[in-house]
Amino acid sequence: MAKKTPESKEESKEENKAEKPAKKAEKNVAKNEEKPAKKEEKPVKKEEHEEKPETAAPTEEDFQKVDIRVGRIVECWKHPESENLYCEKIDIGTEIRQIASGL
């Protein structure tokens, strides 16, 4: 067996470096050939929406059920546990109510 000289060692390293990209390219080609072609995706059918029963138009009787009151804000402060809520005391005439509202 012949000893490799420093020059021949360098040459063999350079040859190996040149071969590596070629081997990688061959592997990539082989991988691409092994992969099956992508299956054609079937269009997704949208579920048929259930038709909602038609609601009747509101009647005068429905409007009479609504209780709308006007009040005066007595006190307002930020809610201690939330950044977006406020607490208010509102005087509606017969009583003072405490409510929370998001602003």
Foldseek 3Di string as FASTA:
>chain_A
DDDDDPVNVVVVVVVVVVVVVVVVVVVVVVVVVPDDDDDDDDDDDDDDDDDDDDDDDDDPVVVVPDDDFDWDWPDKDADPPDDFKIWTWTGRPVDTDIDIDGD
